C-alpha atoms as a PDB file:
ATOM      1  CA  ARG A   1     -26.831  -0.037  -9.482  1.00  0.00           C
ATOM      2  CA  SER A   2     -28.049  -0.237 -12.945  1.00  0.00           C
ATOM      3  CA  GLN A   3     -29.045  -3.070 -15.232  1.00  0.00           C
ATOM      4  CA  VAL A   4     -26.337  -2.302 -17.736  1.00  0.00           C
ATOM      5  CA  PRO A   5     -22.997  -4.305 -18.841  1.00  0.00           C
ATOM      6  CA  SER A   6     -20.545  -4.403 -15.256  1.00  0.00           C
ATOM      7  CA  ILE A   7     -18.209  -1.950 -16.369  1.00  0.00           C
ATOM      8  CA  LYS A   8     -21.418   0.704 -16.373  1.00  0.00           C
ATOM      9  CA  ALA A   9     -22.888  -0.602 -13.431  1.00  0.00           C
ATOM     10  CA  PHE A  10     -21.984   1.492 -10.819  1.00  0.00           C
ATOM     11  CA  THR A  11     -22.180   5.379 -10.124  1.00  0.00           C
ATOM     12  CA  GLY A  12     -20.419   7.352  -8.038  1.00  0.00           C
ATOM     13  CA  PHE A  13     -22.208   9.891  -5.723  1.00  0.00           C
ATOM     14  CA  ILE A  14     -21.134  12.538  -3.226  1.00  0.00           C
ATOM     15  CA  VAL A  15     -23.063  11.747  -0.210  1.00  0.00           C
ATOM     16  CA  GLU A  16     -22.923  14.656   2.600  1.00  0.00           C
ATOM     17  CA  ARG A  17     -22.112  13.419   6.038  1.00  0.00           C
ATOM     18  CA  GLU A  18     -25.464  14.403   7.761  1.00  0.00           C
ATOM     19  CA  THR A  19     -27.356  13.042   4.867  1.00  0.00           C
ATOM     20  CA  PRO A  20     -30.568  11.608   6.610  1.00  0.00           C
ATOM     21  CA  GLY A  21     -29.975   7.304   6.794  1.00  0.00           C
ATOM     22  CA  LEU A  22     -26.307   7.224   6.570  1.00  0.00           C
ATOM     23  CA  THR A  23     -24.349   5.876   9.830  1.00  0.00           C
ATOM     24  CA  PRO A  24     -20.806   5.469  10.342  1.00  0.00           C
ATOM     25  CA  GLY A  25     -20.171   2.847  12.515  1.00  0.00           C
ATOM     26  CA  ARG A  26     -17.699   2.017  15.372  1.00  0.00           C
ATOM     27  CA  LYS A  27     -13.666   2.332  14.559  1.00  0.00           C
ATOM     28  CA  GLU A  28     -12.092  -0.951  13.841  1.00  0.00           C
ATOM     29  CA  TRP A  29      -9.105  -1.768  16.487  1.00  0.00           C
ATOM     30  CA  ASN A  30      -6.564  -3.199  13.605  1.00  0.00           C
ATOM     31  CA  MET A  31      -3.657  -4.979  13.420  1.00  0.00           C
ATOM     32  CA  GLY A  32      -1.354  -2.083  12.710  1.00  0.00           C
ATOM     33  CA  GLN A  33      -1.697   1.390  10.960  1.00  0.00           C
ATOM     34  CA  ARG A  34      -3.836   2.197  13.739  1.00  0.00           C
ATOM     35  CA  ALA A  35      -3.906   6.168  13.249  1.00  0.00           C
ATOM     36  CA  SER A  36      -5.944   5.082  10.084  1.00  0.00           C
ATOM     37  CA  ASP A  37      -9.763   5.804  11.322  1.00  0.00           C
ATOM     38  CA  THR A  38     -11.173   2.671   9.926  1.00  0.00           C
ATOM     39  CA  ARG A  39     -15.162   2.286   9.990  1.00  0.00           C
ATOM     40  CA  GLY A  40     -17.945   0.944   7.964  1.00  0.00           C
ATOM     41  CA  VAL A  41     -20.803   3.174   6.790  1.00  0.00           C
ATOM     42  CA  THR A  42     -24.453   1.987   6.781  1.00  0.00           C
ATOM     43  CA  PHE A  43     -27.114   3.513   4.189  1.00  0.00           C
ATOM     44  CA  GLU A  44     -30.798   2.773   5.023  1.00  0.00           C
ATOM     45  CA  ASP A  45     -33.234   4.510   3.098  1.00  0.00           C
ATOM     46  CA  VAL A  46     -30.783   7.374   1.868  1.00  0.00           C
ATOM     47  CA  ILE A  47     -31.750  10.047  -0.877  1.00  0.00           C
ATOM     48  CA  VAL A  48     -29.367  11.473  -2.970  1.00  0.00           C
ATOM     49  CA  PRO A  49     -29.918  14.291  -5.175  1.00  0.00           C
ATOM     50  CA  LYS A  50     -29.002  13.791  -8.803  1.00  0.00           C
ATOM     51  CA  GLU A  51     -26.695  16.635  -8.476  1.00  0.00           C
ATOM     52  CA  ASN A  52     -24.631  14.645  -6.444  1.00  0.00           C
ATOM     53  CA  VAL A  53     -23.766  12.470  -9.294  1.00  0.00           C
ATOM     54  CA  LEU A  54     -19.878  12.125 -10.014  1.00  0.00           C
ATOM     55  CA  LEU A  55     -19.754  12.822 -13.905  1.00  0.00           C
ATOM     56  CA  ASN A  56     -22.335  10.787 -15.131  1.00  0.00           C
ATOM     57  CA  GLU A  57     -24.771   7.616 -14.610  1.00  0.00           C
ATOM     58  CA  GLY A  58     -22.486   4.383 -15.200  1.00  0.00           C
ATOM     59  CA  ASP A  59     -19.219   6.331 -14.583  1.00  0.00           C
ATOM     60  CA  GLY A  60     -18.592   4.941 -11.172  1.00  0.00           C
ATOM     61  CA  PHE A  61     -16.095   1.937 -12.279  1.00  0.00           C
ATOM     62  CA  LYS A  62     -14.232   4.456 -14.443  1.00  0.00           C
ATOM     63  CA  ILE A  63     -13.806   7.097 -11.523  1.00  0.00           C
ATOM     64  CA  ALA A  64     -12.762   4.433  -9.179  1.00  0.00           C
ATOM     65  CA  MET A  65      -9.955   2.972 -11.753  1.00  0.00           C
ATOM     66  CA  GLY A  66      -8.719   6.265 -12.672  1.00  0.00           C
ATOM     67  CA  THR A  67      -8.168   7.027  -9.092  1.00  0.00           C
ATOM     68  CA  PHE A  68      -6.497   4.128  -8.355  1.00  0.00           C
ATOM     69  CA  ASP A  69      -3.947   4.962 -11.090  1.00  0.00           C
ATOM     70  CA  ARG A  70      -3.296   8.263  -9.167  1.00  0.00           C
ATOM     71  CA  THR A  71      -3.155   7.082  -5.702  1.00  0.00           C
ATOM     72  CA  ARG A  72      -1.125   3.679  -5.853  1.00  0.00           C
ATOM     73  CA  ALA A  73       2.429   5.562  -6.792  1.00  0.00           C
ATOM     74  CA  PRO A  74       1.562   7.525  -3.021  1.00  0.00           C
ATOM     75  CA  VAL A  75       0.670   4.207  -1.504  1.00  0.00           C
ATOM     76  CA  ALA A  76       3.645   2.908  -3.083  1.00  0.00           C
ATOM     77  CA  ALA A  77       5.499   5.452  -1.695  1.00  0.00           C
ATOM     78  CA  ALA A  78       4.412   5.047   1.735  1.00  0.00           C
ATOM     79  CA  ALA A  79       5.207   1.440   1.669  1.00  0.00           C
ATOM     80  CA  THR A  80       8.726   2.310   0.395  1.00  0.00           C
ATOM     81  CA  GLY A  81       9.032   4.790   3.384  1.00  0.00           C
ATOM     82  CA  LEU A  82       8.127   2.105   5.669  1.00  0.00           C
ATOM     83  CA  ALA A  83      10.637  -0.155   4.571  1.00  0.00           C
ATOM     84  CA  GLN A  84      13.458   2.383   4.484  1.00  0.00           C
ATOM     85  CA  ARG A  85      12.896   2.900   8.362  1.00  0.00           C
ATOM     86  CA  ALA A  86      13.092  -0.935   8.896  1.00  0.00           C
ATOM     87  CA  LEU A  87      16.289  -0.849   6.826  1.00  0.00           C
ATOM     88  CA  ASP A  88      17.331   2.114   9.341  1.00  0.00           C
ATOM     89  CA  GLU A  89      16.796   0.164  12.385  1.00  0.00           C
ATOM     90  CA  ALA A  90      18.081  -2.729  11.490  1.00  0.00           C
ATOM     91  CA  ALA A  91      21.473  -1.054  10.479  1.00  0.00           C
ATOM     92  CA  LYS A  92      21.611   1.047  13.403  1.00  0.00           C
ATOM     93  CA  TYR A  93      21.184  -1.827  15.356  1.00  0.00           C
ATOM     94  CA  SER A  94      23.548  -3.996  14.006  1.00  0.00           C
ATOM     95  CA  THR A  95      26.148  -1.772  14.888  1.00  0.00           C
ATOM     96  CA  GLU A  96      24.962  -1.590  18.300  1.00  0.00           C
ATOM     97  CA  ARG A  97      24.138  -5.434  19.082  1.00  0.00           C
ATOM     98  CA  LYS A  98      27.285  -7.654  19.991  1.00  0.00           C
ATOM     99  CA  THR A  99      27.892 -11.052  19.890  1.00  0.00           C
ATOM    100  CA  PHE A 100      31.101 -13.205  20.720  1.00  0.00           C
ATOM    101  CA  GLY A 101      32.881  -9.546  20.925  1.00  0.00           C
ATOM    102  CA  ALA A 102      31.689  -7.937  17.803  1.00  0.00           C
ATOM    103  CA  PRO A 103      28.759  -6.423  16.220  1.00  0.00           C
ATOM    104  CA  ILE A 104      26.473  -8.631  14.359  1.00  0.00           C
ATOM    105  CA  ALA A 105      27.078  -6.050  11.421  1.00  0.00           C
ATOM    106  CA  ALA A 106      30.265  -7.857  11.054  1.00  0.00           C
ATOM    107  CA  HIS A 107      28.774 -11.280  10.180  1.00  0.00           C
ATOM    108  CA  GLN A 108      28.264 -11.918   6.580  1.00  0.00           C
ATOM    109  CA  ALA A 109      24.641 -13.228   7.191  1.00  0.00           C
ATOM    110  CA  VAL A 110      23.480 -10.048   8.604  1.00  0.00           C
ATOM    111  CA  GLN A 111      25.487  -7.942   6.045  1.00  0.00           C
ATOM    112  CA  PHE A 112      23.526  -9.896   3.122  1.00  0.00           C
ATOM    113  CA  ILE A 113      20.235  -9.563   4.769  1.00  0.00           C
ATOM    114  CA  LEU A 114      20.955  -5.651   5.142  1.00  0.00           C
ATOM    115  CA  ALA A 115      22.070  -5.597   1.442  1.00  0.00           C
ATOM    116  CA  ASP A 116      19.210  -7.326   0.358  1.00  0.00           C
ATOM    117  CA  MET A 117      17.101  -4.485   2.122  1.00  0.00           C
ATOM    118  CA  ALA A 118      18.927  -1.791   0.687  1.00  0.00           C
ATOM    119  CA  ILE A 119      17.996  -3.107  -2.648  1.00  0.00           C
ATOM    120  CA  GLY A 120      14.205  -3.551  -2.121  1.00  0.00           C
ATOM    121  CA  VAL A 121      14.039  -0.092  -0.679  1.00  0.00           C
ATOM    122  CA  GLU A 122      15.973   1.567  -3.572  1.00  0.00           C
ATOM    123  CA  THR A 123      14.141  -0.386  -6.514  1.00  0.00           C
ATOM    124  CA  SER A 124      10.915   0.713  -4.788  1.00  0.00           C
ATOM    125  CA  ARG A 125      11.732   4.343  -4.890  1.00  0.00           C
ATOM    126  CA  LEU A 126      12.509   4.140  -8.695  1.00  0.00           C
ATOM    127  CA  ALA A 127       9.335   1.968  -9.300  1.00  0.00           C
ATOM    128  CA  TRP A 128       7.024   4.471  -7.468  1.00  0.00           C
ATOM    129  CA  MET A 129       9.003   7.601  -9.029  1.00  0.00           C
ATOM    130  CA  ARG A 130       8.316   6.298 -12.495  1.00  0.00           C
ATOM    131  CA  ALA A 131       4.469   5.700 -11.725  1.00  0.00           C
ATOM    132  CA  ALA A 132       4.343   9.194 -10.591  1.00  0.00           C
ATOM    133  CA  TYR A 133       6.502  10.703 -13.503  1.00  0.00           C
ATOM    134  CA  GLU A 134       4.093   9.082 -15.883  1.00  0.00           C
ATOM    135  CA  VAL A 135       1.093  10.994 -14.326  1.00  0.00           C
ATOM    136  CA  ASP A 136       3.460  14.250 -14.621  1.00  0.00           C
ATOM    137  CA  GLN A 137       3.678  13.650 -18.185  1.00  0.00           C
ATOM    138  CA  GLY A 138       0.088  13.124 -18.716  1.00  0.00           C
ATOM    139  CA  ARG A 139      -0.081   9.796 -19.598  1.00  0.00           C
ATOM    140  CA  ARG A 140      -1.886   6.571 -18.363  1.00  0.00           C
ATOM    141  CA  ASN A 141       0.312   4.883 -15.899  1.00  0.00           C
ATOM    142  CA  THR A 142      -1.786   1.742 -14.801  1.00  0.00           C
ATOM    143  CA  TYR A 143       0.895  -0.596 -15.904  1.00  0.00           C
ATOM    144  CA  TYR A 144       3.425   1.332 -13.902  1.00  0.00           C
ATOM    145  CA  ALA A 145       1.207   2.092 -11.050  1.00  0.00           C
ATOM    146  CA  SER A 146       0.160  -1.777 -10.409  1.00  0.00           C
ATOM    147  CA  ILE A 147       3.926  -2.495 -10.779  1.00  0.00           C
ATOM    148  CA  ALA A 148       5.024  -0.078  -7.958  1.00  0.00           C
ATOM    149  CA  LYS A 149       2.316  -0.797  -5.589  1.00  0.00           C
ATOM    150  CA  ALA A 150       2.752  -4.795  -5.668  1.00  0.00           C
ATOM    151  CA  PHE A 151       6.953  -4.432  -5.497  1.00  0.00           C
ATOM    152  CA  ALA A 152       7.024  -1.653  -2.722  1.00  0.00           C
ATOM    153  CA  SER A 153       4.238  -3.470  -0.776  1.00  0.00           C
ATOM    154  CA  ASP A 154       5.869  -6.427  -0.728  1.00  0.00           C
ATOM    155  CA  VAL A 155       9.486  -4.907  -0.336  1.00  0.00           C
ATOM    156  CA  ALA A 156       8.012  -3.457   2.947  1.00  0.00           C
ATOM    157  CA  ASN A 157       6.621  -6.462   4.328  1.00  0.00           C
ATOM    158  CA  LYS A 158      10.339  -8.248   3.482  1.00  0.00           C
ATOM    159  CA  CYS A 159      12.116  -5.579   4.801  1.00  0.00           C
ATOM    160  CA  ALA A 160      10.136  -5.508   8.116  1.00  0.00           C
ATOM    161  CA  SER A 161      10.163  -9.330   8.654  1.00  0.00           C
ATOM    162  CA  ASP A 162      13.806  -9.086   7.924  1.00  0.00           C
ATOM    163  CA  ALA A 163      14.241  -6.236  10.530  1.00  0.00           C
ATOM    164  CA  VAL A 164      12.588  -8.169  13.320  1.00  0.00           C
ATOM    165  CA  GLN A 165      14.922 -11.150  12.001  1.00  0.00           C
ATOM    166  CA  VAL A 166      17.950  -8.865  13.015  1.00  0.00           C
ATOM    167  CA  PHE A 167      16.960  -7.644  16.275  1.00  0.00           C
ATOM    168  CA  GLY A 168      16.359 -11.369  17.043  1.00  0.00           C
ATOM    169  CA  GLY A 169      14.260 -12.017  20.435  1.00  0.00           C
ATOM    170  CA  ASN A 170      14.071  -7.852  20.942  1.00  0.00           C
ATOM    171  CA  GLY A 171      12.426  -7.830  17.314  1.00  0.00           C
ATOM    172  CA  PHE A 172       9.690  -9.550  18.854  1.00  0.00           C
ATOM    173  CA  ASN A 173       9.106  -7.171  22.074  1.00  0.00           C
ATOM    174  CA  SER A 174       7.188  -4.252  21.577  1.00  0.00           C
ATOM    175  CA  GLU A 175       9.522  -1.984  23.313  1.00  0.00           C
ATOM    176  CA  TYR A 176      11.079  -1.889  20.328  1.00  0.00           C
ATOM    177  CA  PRO A 177      10.024   0.000  16.882  1.00  0.00           C
ATOM    178  CA  VAL A 178      10.499  -3.099  14.379  1.00  0.00           C
ATOM    179  CA  GLU A 179       7.199  -5.445  15.371  1.00  0.00           C
ATOM    180  CA  LYS A 180       4.923  -2.337  14.803  1.00  0.00           C
ATOM    181  CA  LEU A 181       6.695  -1.905  11.376  1.00  0.00           C
ATOM    182  CA  MET A 182       5.951  -5.341  10.694  1.00  0.00           C
ATOM    183  CA  ARG A 183       2.201  -5.047  11.497  1.00  0.00           C
ATOM    184  CA  ASP A 184       1.634  -1.963   9.806  1.00  0.00           C
ATOM    185  CA  ALA A 185       3.120  -3.229   6.441  1.00  0.00           C
ATOM    186  CA  LYS A 186       0.557  -5.642   5.986  1.00  0.00           C
ATOM    187  CA  ILE A 187      -1.984  -3.218   4.990  1.00  0.00           C
ATOM    188  CA  PHE A 188      -0.279  -2.437   2.150  1.00  0.00           C
ATOM    189  CA  GLN A 189      -0.492  -5.801  -0.136  1.00  0.00           C
ATOM    190  CA  ILE A 190      -4.261  -5.552   0.703  1.00  0.00           C
ATOM    191  CA  TYR A 191      -5.785  -1.872   0.073  1.00  0.00           C
ATOM    192  CA  GLU A 192      -5.747   0.014  -2.746  1.00  0.00           C
ATOM    193  CA  GLY A 193      -6.190  -3.398  -4.659  1.00  0.00           C
ATOM    194  CA  THR A 194      -4.802  -6.479  -3.406  1.00  0.00           C
ATOM    195  CA  SER A 195      -1.087  -7.750  -4.799  1.00  0.00           C
ATOM    196  CA  GLN A 196      -2.622 -10.331  -6.759  1.00  0.00           C
ATOM    197  CA  ILE A 197      -5.194  -7.739  -8.247  1.00  0.00           C
ATOM    198  CA  GLN A 198      -1.904  -5.885  -9.066  1.00  0.00           C
ATOM    199  CA  ARG A 199      -0.668  -8.530 -10.736  1.00  0.00           C
ATOM    200  CA  LEU A 200      -3.453  -9.540 -12.932  1.00  0.00           C
ATOM    201  CA  ILE A 201      -3.695  -5.558 -14.114  1.00  0.00           C
ATOM    202  CA  ILE A 202       0.123  -6.008 -14.646  1.00  0.00           C
ATOM    203  CA  SER A 203      -0.002  -8.927 -17.023  1.00  0.00           C
ATOM    204  CA  ARG A 204      -3.091  -7.672 -18.951  1.00  0.00           C
ATOM    205  CA  GLU A 205      -1.586  -4.470 -19.253  1.00  0.00           C
ATOM    206  CA  LEU A 206       1.504  -6.489 -20.402  1.00  0.00           C
ATOM    207  CA  LEU A 207       0.171  -9.024 -22.547  1.00  0.00           C
ATOM    208  CA  GLY A 208      -2.040  -5.956 -24.389  1.00  0.00           C
ATOM    209  CA  HIS A 209       1.029  -4.980 -25.574  1.00  0.00           C
ATOM    210  CA  TYR A 210       1.794  -8.194 -27.663  1.00  0.00           C
ATOM    211  CA  LYS A 211      -1.877  -8.675 -29.233  1.00  0.00           C
END
């Protein structure tokens, strides 16, 4: 860290795994997305050569933010995929589960849940595609990337929760897939910038057009 204004206070480095003083921590046991190997990393008296600096000294924050612009659309796409899976599971189950002699899909209350899930899924898909399109066109996509990330993350969580609701008591049972979707969905609102951070970015980008 350098004694300069905050936006120039960080420098990015490439640090090789075998570097003396670098120690990976234990694998964390997360609530969801357990295929993701999550570990802390400890640096103790680590010496990194100057040639390992990314771009220039003080460019670390700029690199990180530029990376987020490109990675938030794929994260939104993943969240949309989870929401689609939740919708698929809920819709299929609703045609198989019967109450009072009829599939629960015949009940308007369930139909409305499924309709709202579908609205969220399709709108999320359009949002991340717009964010990705802006990158393809060589344009800065900060505004669209944050919209896609925030919206798709919220939709994934709502669709997963709604799928559990459609499954009823079975949705709370680990023998069925929707409880896992609910656990996996939560992190989308946290990593790559929380949903609150996305809204802060969106509002700043929006208001910047009117100043």
